[in-house]
Amino acid sequence: MTGSATTAAPESVRSSRRILVVWNPSAGLATSIRGGTIDDLRDMLASHGIQADIAQPKDEDEAHAVVRRAVAEGIDIVVAAGGDGTVHLIAEELLGTQTALGILPLGRVMNVGRALGIERDIDAAAEVIVAGEIRSIDTGEARAGDDRVVPFFEAGSVGLNAAIFREVTRADEGDPVSILRTIWAALRYRPARMTVKLDDGEISSRALMVAVSNGPYLGLGMTVAPAARLDDGRFDVRVFRRFSKLELLRHLASIAFGRRQYAPQVSTYRSATVRITSAHPLPARADGVDLGSTPVTYRTRPGFLRVVVPKPQSTTASSTDGSDRRRM
């Protein structure tokens, strides 16, 4: 561990801790809970020695209220049993608190879980909750042009990727025309000269896109910033300069769902604060939140979220390419 997240020693998770599980049964892979009912979830947790209350909020407002109440009551761990949307919703309410985030990965992508080294296997993830460590990780905060402040956990993005993800989100929401809009957005996108101001200087470029990455993954599991760490107090700022639009789309497809590809057209910088301005307004996002257009400012919040993660393994047990190792 590096940076401010090293100030406290890791803690072991004990069964005596108070745990609340917030379950989203509509998550993409909720059927990985054998039987798929709340009783089946309770039985699975009990089989791992996890005694927990289970909440099944009817909507996002109720979910926010449930988590806020858990924090006020001193619950030790709130477990997100769902996809990335459930993880983000719960994590927002845990920022800056002593309550830790646990993850039972029931979504199709699980960017935050992958970055933390949490396996997709539901039983392995449950073992992390009962036998893992609690550590602090960095989060991000975006300030949009309209002065909205938006927390994020994966990455901010400006340019073509933000324009595409805007339409992809509509597709996920069931808009059948959005696929055509996505293709149209990519074809008609025109990069404008942008200035990226970092802690120690600035870059001026007509880049197709910039990713301000807190962790390695963005969107549909794309490994946008393979070297990004969740606890170093800085973003990995990835500037995609000399791609044609077709090359960039091919590159993004090639790194989807955790795959990687060497990209010499991408430059990487590291900075705790990133401000992006442009000659003409460019679309901007923070994770799945549409920020409108540039200018936009991203800054890190070091050690601002407590998470339950697997205990470190020896280097001999690590994967060959490190694609699924916890980046902390």
Protein backbone atom coordinates (compact mmCIF):
# COMPACT_ATOMS: atom_id res chain seq x y z
CA MET A 1 0.00 0.00 0.00
CA THR A 2 1.16 3.52 -0.68
CA GLY A 3 0.01 7.04 0.12
CA SER A 4 -2.48 7.98 2.80
CA ALA A 5 -4.15 4.56 2.73
CA THR A 6 -1.17 3.10 4.68
CA THR A 7 -1.92 5.00 7.88
CA ALA A 8 -3.89 2.15 9.43
CA ALA A 9 -3.06 -1.55 9.57
CA PRO A 10 -5.50 -3.91 7.81
CA GLU A 11 -8.24 -5.36 9.97
CA SER A 12 -9.54 -8.90 9.88
CA VAL A 13 -13.29 -9.31 9.40
CA ARG A 14 -14.81 -11.23 12.31
CA SER A 15 -18.17 -12.96 12.34
CA SER A 16 -19.16 -10.87 15.37
CA ARG A 17 -19.25 -7.75 13.23
CA ARG A 18 -22.61 -6.30 12.30
CA ILE A 19 -23.32 -6.87 8.62
CA LEU A 20 -26.14 -5.62 6.41
CA VAL A 21 -26.63 -7.06 2.93
CA VAL A 22 -28.44 -4.85 0.40
CA TRP A 23 -29.77 -7.17 -2.28
CA ASN A 24 -30.74 -6.22 -5.82
CA PRO A 25 -32.52 -9.32 -7.20
CA SER A 26 -32.77 -7.71 -10.64
CA ALA A 27 -28.98 -7.67 -11.09
CA GLY A 28 -27.82 -9.41 -14.24
CA LEU A 29 -26.53 -12.55 -12.55
CA ALA A 30 -28.76 -12.69 -9.48
CA THR A 31 -29.57 -16.30 -10.33
CA SER A 32 -26.01 -17.19 -9.24
CA ILE A 33 -27.67 -17.27 -5.79
CA ARG A 34 -28.95 -20.82 -6.05
CA GLY A 35 -32.73 -20.60 -6.17
CA GLY A 36 -32.65 -16.83 -6.51
CA THR A 37 -34.83 -15.95 -3.51
CA ILE A 38 -34.04 -13.93 -0.40
CA ASP A 39 -34.21 -17.14 1.64
CA ASP A 40 -31.67 -18.75 -0.69
CA LEU A 41 -29.39 -15.75 -0.21
CA ARG A 42 -29.77 -16.04 3.56
CA ASP A 43 -28.94 -19.77 3.42
CA MET A 44 -25.86 -19.13 1.28
CA LEU A 45 -24.56 -16.51 3.72
CA ALA A 46 -25.25 -18.79 6.69
CA SER A 47 -23.28 -21.59 5.01
CA HIS A 48 -20.25 -19.30 5.22
CA GLY A 49 -20.90 -18.35 8.83
CA ILE A 50 -22.25 -14.91 7.93
CA GLN A 51 -25.07 -13.72 10.17
CA ALA A 52 -26.49 -10.67 8.45
CA ASP A 53 -29.63 -8.64 8.05
CA ILE A 54 -30.84 -8.49 4.45
CA ALA A 55 -32.56 -5.49 2.91
CA GLN A 56 -34.33 -5.55 -0.44
CA PRO A 57 -35.14 -1.89 -1.20
CA LYS A 58 -37.90 -1.23 -3.69
CA ASP A 59 -36.03 1.65 -5.39
CA GLU A 60 -32.85 3.73 -5.24
CA ASP A 61 -34.27 6.28 -2.80
CA GLU A 62 -35.10 3.55 -0.33
CA ALA A 63 -31.69 1.96 -0.85
CA HIS A 64 -29.94 5.25 -0.03
CA ALA A 65 -32.07 5.59 3.11
CA VAL A 66 -31.31 2.02 4.19
CA VAL A 67 -27.56 2.54 3.89
CA ARG A 68 -27.65 5.93 5.63
CA ARG A 69 -29.52 4.32 8.51
CA ALA A 70 -26.96 1.50 8.67
CA VAL A 71 -24.14 4.03 8.97
CA ALA A 72 -25.98 5.93 11.70
CA GLU A 73 -26.52 2.68 13.60
CA GLY A 74 -22.83 1.79 13.44
CA ILE A 75 -23.14 -1.21 11.12
CA ASP A 76 -19.60 -2.47 10.39
CA ILE A 77 -20.07 -3.69 6.81
CA VAL A 78 -22.74 -3.01 4.19
CA VAL A 79 -22.58 -5.63 1.44
CA ALA A 80 -23.67 -4.74 -2.09
CA ALA A 81 -25.31 -7.90 -3.48
CA GLY A 82 -25.83 -6.76 -7.05
CA GLY A 83 -24.05 -5.21 -10.00
CA ASP A 84 -21.88 -2.13 -10.43
CA GLY A 85 -24.89 0.15 -10.01
CA THR A 86 -25.64 -1.35 -6.60
CA VAL A 87 -21.97 -1.08 -5.60
CA HIS A 88 -21.85 2.60 -6.60
CA LEU A 89 -25.10 3.46 -4.84
CA ILE A 90 -23.99 1.94 -1.55
CA ALA A 91 -20.42 3.24 -1.79
CA GLU A 92 -21.67 6.82 -2.18
CA GLU A 93 -23.33 6.63 1.23
CA LEU A 94 -20.23 5.11 2.86
CA LEU A 95 -17.74 7.78 1.75
CA GLY A 96 -15.78 9.18 4.69
CA THR A 97 -17.47 6.86 7.22
CA GLN A 98 -16.18 3.95 9.30
CA THR A 99 -18.63 1.52 7.67
CA ALA A 100 -16.93 -0.70 5.08
CA LEU A 101 -18.22 -1.82 1.68
CA GLY A 102 -18.45 -5.54 0.92
CA ILE A 103 -19.30 -6.96 -2.49
CA LEU A 104 -21.24 -10.03 -3.62
CA PRO A 105 -20.80 -9.77 -7.42
CA LEU A 106 -24.10 -10.41 -9.17
CA GLY A 107 -23.67 -8.07 -12.16
CA ARG A 108 -22.30 -8.72 -15.62
CA VAL A 109 -19.21 -6.48 -15.38
CA MET A 110 -18.23 -5.67 -11.76
CA ASN A 111 -15.45 -3.16 -12.41
CA VAL A 112 -14.94 -2.21 -8.76
CA GLY A 113 -15.00 -5.82 -7.60
CA ARG A 114 -12.41 -6.84 -10.20
CA ALA A 115 -10.16 -3.94 -9.22
CA LEU A 116 -10.33 -5.14 -5.60
CA GLY A 117 -9.45 -8.72 -6.55
CA ILE A 118 -12.88 -10.12 -5.65
CA GLU A 119 -13.65 -13.25 -7.65
CA ARG A 120 -16.87 -13.61 -9.61
CA ASP A 121 -17.61 -16.92 -7.86
CA ILE A 122 -20.27 -16.12 -5.28
CA ASP A 123 -18.93 -18.51 -2.65
CA ALA A 124 -15.41 -17.13 -2.98
CA ALA A 125 -16.78 -13.60 -2.63
CA ALA A 126 -18.70 -14.62 0.49
CA GLU A 127 -15.47 -15.96 1.99
CA VAL A 128 -13.90 -12.54 1.45
CA ILE A 129 -16.68 -10.95 3.50
CA VAL A 130 -16.10 -13.29 6.42
CA ALA A 131 -12.30 -13.69 6.25
CA GLY A 132 -10.98 -10.72 4.30
CA GLU A 133 -9.36 -7.46 5.37
CA ILE A 134 -10.71 -3.94 5.64
CA ARG A 135 -8.60 -1.35 3.86
CA SER A 136 -9.06 2.22 2.69
CA ILE A 137 -9.04 3.11 -1.01
CA ASP A 138 -9.17 6.34 -2.98
CA THR A 139 -12.27 7.63 -4.68
CA GLY A 140 -12.78 10.42 -7.19
CA GLU A 141 -14.87 13.56 -7.25
CA ALA A 142 -15.93 15.42 -10.39
CA ARG A 143 -17.07 19.03 -10.56
CA ALA A 144 -19.09 19.71 -13.68
CA GLY A 145 -19.53 23.02 -15.46
CA ASP A 146 -22.85 23.56 -13.66
CA ASP A 147 -21.03 23.16 -10.29
CA ARG A 148 -22.50 19.73 -9.59
CA VAL A 149 -20.15 17.59 -7.49
CA VAL A 150 -20.30 13.90 -8.43
CA PRO A 151 -18.41 11.11 -6.64
CA PHE A 152 -16.97 8.32 -8.76
CA PHE A 153 -15.01 5.09 -8.29
CA GLU A 154 -13.84 3.94 -11.72
CA ALA A 155 -12.95 6.82 -14.04
CA GLY A 156 -13.88 10.15 -15.48
CA SER A 157 -13.92 10.51 -19.25
CA VAL A 158 -13.97 13.32 -21.78
CA GLY A 159 -14.39 13.05 -25.53
CA LEU A 160 -15.48 10.23 -27.79
CA ASN A 161 -15.79 7.63 -25.03
CA ALA A 162 -18.12 9.90 -23.04
CA ALA A 163 -20.25 10.49 -26.14
CA ILE A 164 -20.50 6.74 -26.82
CA PHE A 165 -21.22 5.76 -23.21
CA ARG A 166 -24.04 8.29 -23.10
CA GLU A 167 -25.81 6.26 -25.78
CA VAL A 168 -24.76 2.87 -24.35
CA THR A 169 -26.46 3.85 -21.09
CA ARG A 170 -29.67 4.51 -22.96
CA ALA A 171 -29.36 1.04 -24.53
CA ASP A 172 -29.07 -0.51 -21.08
CA GLU A 173 -32.25 1.36 -20.13
CA GLY A 174 -34.12 -0.36 -22.97
CA ASP A 175 -34.00 2.28 -25.73
CA PRO A 176 -33.93 0.14 -28.92
CA VAL A 177 -32.78 3.03 -31.12
CA SER A 178 -29.76 3.80 -28.96
CA ILE A 179 -27.48 1.29 -30.73
CA LEU A 180 -27.92 3.24 -33.96
CA ARG A 181 -27.40 6.47 -32.01
CA THR A 182 -24.16 5.04 -30.60
CA ILE A 183 -22.80 4.34 -34.08
CA TRP A 184 -23.96 7.76 -35.25
CA ALA A 185 -22.35 9.48 -32.24
CA ALA A 186 -19.04 7.78 -33.03
CA LEU A 187 -19.16 8.67 -36.73
CA ARG A 188 -20.08 12.32 -36.29
CA TYR A 189 -17.85 13.04 -33.30
CA ARG A 190 -15.29 15.78 -34.01
CA PRO A 191 -12.45 16.24 -31.50
CA ALA A 192 -11.74 19.78 -30.39
CA ARG A 193 -8.47 21.00 -28.97
CA MET A 194 -8.46 20.39 -25.23
CA THR A 195 -6.15 21.42 -22.42
CA VAL A 196 -5.52 18.96 -19.60
CA LYS A 197 -4.14 20.71 -16.52
CA LEU A 198 -2.26 18.42 -14.12
CA ASP A 199 -0.55 18.95 -10.77
CA ASP A 200 2.81 19.55 -12.45
CA GLY A 201 1.93 21.03 -15.83
CA GLU A 202 -0.55 20.86 -18.66
CA ILE A 203 -1.09 19.11 -21.98
CA SER A 204 -2.68 20.65 -25.05
CA SER A 205 -3.92 18.16 -27.62
CA ARG A 206 -6.62 17.39 -30.17
CA ALA A 207 -7.05 13.99 -28.52
CA LEU A 208 -10.03 11.81 -29.30
CA MET A 209 -10.53 11.00 -25.62
CA VAL A 210 -9.08 11.34 -22.13
CA ALA A 211 -9.70 8.87 -19.29
CA VAL A 212 -9.05 10.04 -15.71
CA SER A 213 -8.78 6.65 -14.04
CA ASN A 214 -9.05 5.83 -10.37
CA GLY A 215 -8.94 2.09 -11.13
CA PRO A 216 -8.03 -0.07 -14.12
CA TYR A 217 -11.52 -0.64 -15.54
CA LEU A 218 -14.19 1.53 -17.13
CA GLY A 219 -17.55 0.96 -18.77
CA LEU A 220 -17.99 -2.57 -20.11
CA GLY A 221 -14.98 -3.88 -18.19
CA MET A 222 -12.50 -2.09 -20.46
CA THR A 223 -8.93 -2.09 -19.16
CA VAL A 224 -8.42 1.59 -19.89
CA ALA A 225 -5.66 2.12 -17.29
CA PRO A 226 -3.97 -1.22 -16.54
CA ALA A 227 -1.43 0.27 -14.10
CA ALA A 228 -3.93 2.37 -12.09
CA ARG A 229 -3.86 1.79 -8.32
CA LEU A 230 -6.70 2.40 -5.91
CA ASP A 231 -4.55 3.64 -3.06
CA ASP A 232 -1.79 5.90 -4.41
CA GLY A 233 -3.66 9.21 -4.14
CA ARG A 234 -3.39 9.91 -7.88
CA PHE A 235 -5.30 9.28 -11.07
CA ASP A 236 -3.81 7.60 -14.11
CA VAL A 237 -4.61 10.11 -16.85
CA ARG A 238 -4.72 8.35 -20.22
CA VAL A 239 -4.65 10.59 -23.29
CA PHE A 240 -5.63 8.90 -26.59
CA ARG A 241 -3.97 11.17 -29.15
CA ARG A 242 -3.29 9.73 -32.60
CA PHE A 243 -6.07 7.21 -33.11
CA SER A 244 -8.41 7.43 -36.02
CA LYS A 245 -11.95 6.92 -34.80
CA LEU A 246 -12.01 3.43 -36.30
CA GLU A 247 -8.72 2.54 -34.61
CA LEU A 248 -9.98 3.83 -31.28
CA LEU A 249 -13.22 1.86 -31.50
CA ARG A 250 -11.23 -1.28 -32.37
CA HIS A 251 -8.92 -0.62 -29.42
CA LEU A 252 -11.83 -0.13 -27.00
CA ALA A 253 -13.42 -3.36 -28.24
CA SER A 254 -10.11 -5.20 -27.83
CA ILE A 255 -9.76 -4.23 -24.15
CA ALA A 256 -13.40 -4.89 -23.19
CA PHE A 257 -14.14 -7.30 -20.34
CA GLY A 258 -10.63 -7.15 -18.91
CA ARG A 259 -8.60 -7.93 -22.01
CA ARG A 260 -5.54 -5.80 -22.75
CA GLN A 261 -3.74 -4.58 -25.82
CA TYR A 262 -0.60 -2.51 -26.13
CA ALA A 263 -1.45 0.94 -27.48
CA PRO A 264 1.55 3.14 -28.36
CA GLN A 265 -0.81 6.02 -29.21
CA VAL A 266 -1.79 6.37 -25.53
CA SER A 267 0.18 8.59 -23.14
CA THR A 268 -0.12 8.19 -19.37
CA TYR A 269 0.28 10.89 -16.72
CA ARG A 270 -0.39 10.83 -12.98
CA SER A 271 -2.04 13.61 -11.05
CA ALA A 272 -4.26 14.11 -7.99
CA THR A 273 -6.25 16.89 -9.69
CA VAL A 274 -7.15 17.10 -13.38
CA ARG A 275 -8.97 20.00 -15.03
CA ILE A 276 -10.03 19.65 -18.66
CA THR A 277 -11.09 22.59 -20.79
CA SER A 278 -11.67 22.72 -24.54
CA ALA A 279 -12.06 25.12 -27.43
CA HIS A 280 -15.57 23.79 -27.99
CA PRO A 281 -17.76 21.90 -25.48
CA LEU A 282 -16.90 18.19 -25.26
CA PRO A 283 -19.01 15.51 -23.54
CA ALA A 284 -17.83 14.54 -20.05
CA ARG A 285 -18.73 11.73 -17.64
CA ALA A 286 -17.82 10.33 -14.23
CA ASP A 287 -18.47 6.57 -14.19
CA GLY A 288 -22.05 6.30 -15.46
CA VAL A 289 -23.02 9.90 -14.68
CA ASP A 290 -23.41 12.38 -17.54
CA LEU A 291 -21.64 15.60 -16.52
CA GLY A 292 -22.74 17.55 -19.58
CA SER A 293 -19.81 19.25 -21.28
CA THR A 294 -16.38 20.62 -20.49
CA PRO A 295 -14.98 22.33 -18.51
CA VAL A 296 -14.75 19.63 -15.86
CA THR A 297 -12.47 19.07 -12.86
CA TYR A 298 -11.60 15.70 -11.33
CA ARG A 299 -9.83 15.30 -7.97
CA THR A 300 -8.91 12.37 -5.78
CA ARG A 301 -10.22 11.71 -2.29
CA PRO A 302 -7.37 9.61 -0.80
CA GLY A 303 -8.40 6.77 1.50
CA PHE A 304 -12.03 7.96 1.47
CA LEU A 305 -13.77 4.57 1.27
CA ARG A 306 -13.28 1.50 3.46
CA VAL A 307 -13.64 -1.81 1.61
CA VAL A 308 -13.48 -5.52 2.42
CA VAL A 309 -10.83 -7.16 0.23
CA PRO A 310 -9.11 -10.56 -0.01
CA LYS A 311 -6.09 -11.10 2.19
CA PRO A 312 -2.86 -10.70 0.19
CA GLN A 313 -1.52 -13.85 -1.44
CA SER A 314 2.09 -14.70 -2.08
CA THR A 315 3.51 -13.56 -5.41
CA THR A 316 3.82 -17.17 -6.53
CA ALA A 317 0.04 -17.46 -6.34
CA SER A 318 -0.53 -14.41 -8.56
CA SER A 319 -1.79 -14.77 -12.09
CA THR A 320 0.74 -14.70 -14.91
CA ASP A 321 -0.33 -11.40 -16.47
CA GLY A 322 -1.76 -9.87 -13.29
CA SER A 323 -5.05 -9.04 -14.98
CA ASP A 324 -7.12 -9.95 -11.93
CA ARG A 325 -4.73 -9.00 -9.12
CA ARG A 326 -5.92 -6.45 -6.60
CA ARG A 327 -4.32 -3.11 -7.55
CA MET A 328 -3.62 -1.76 -4.09
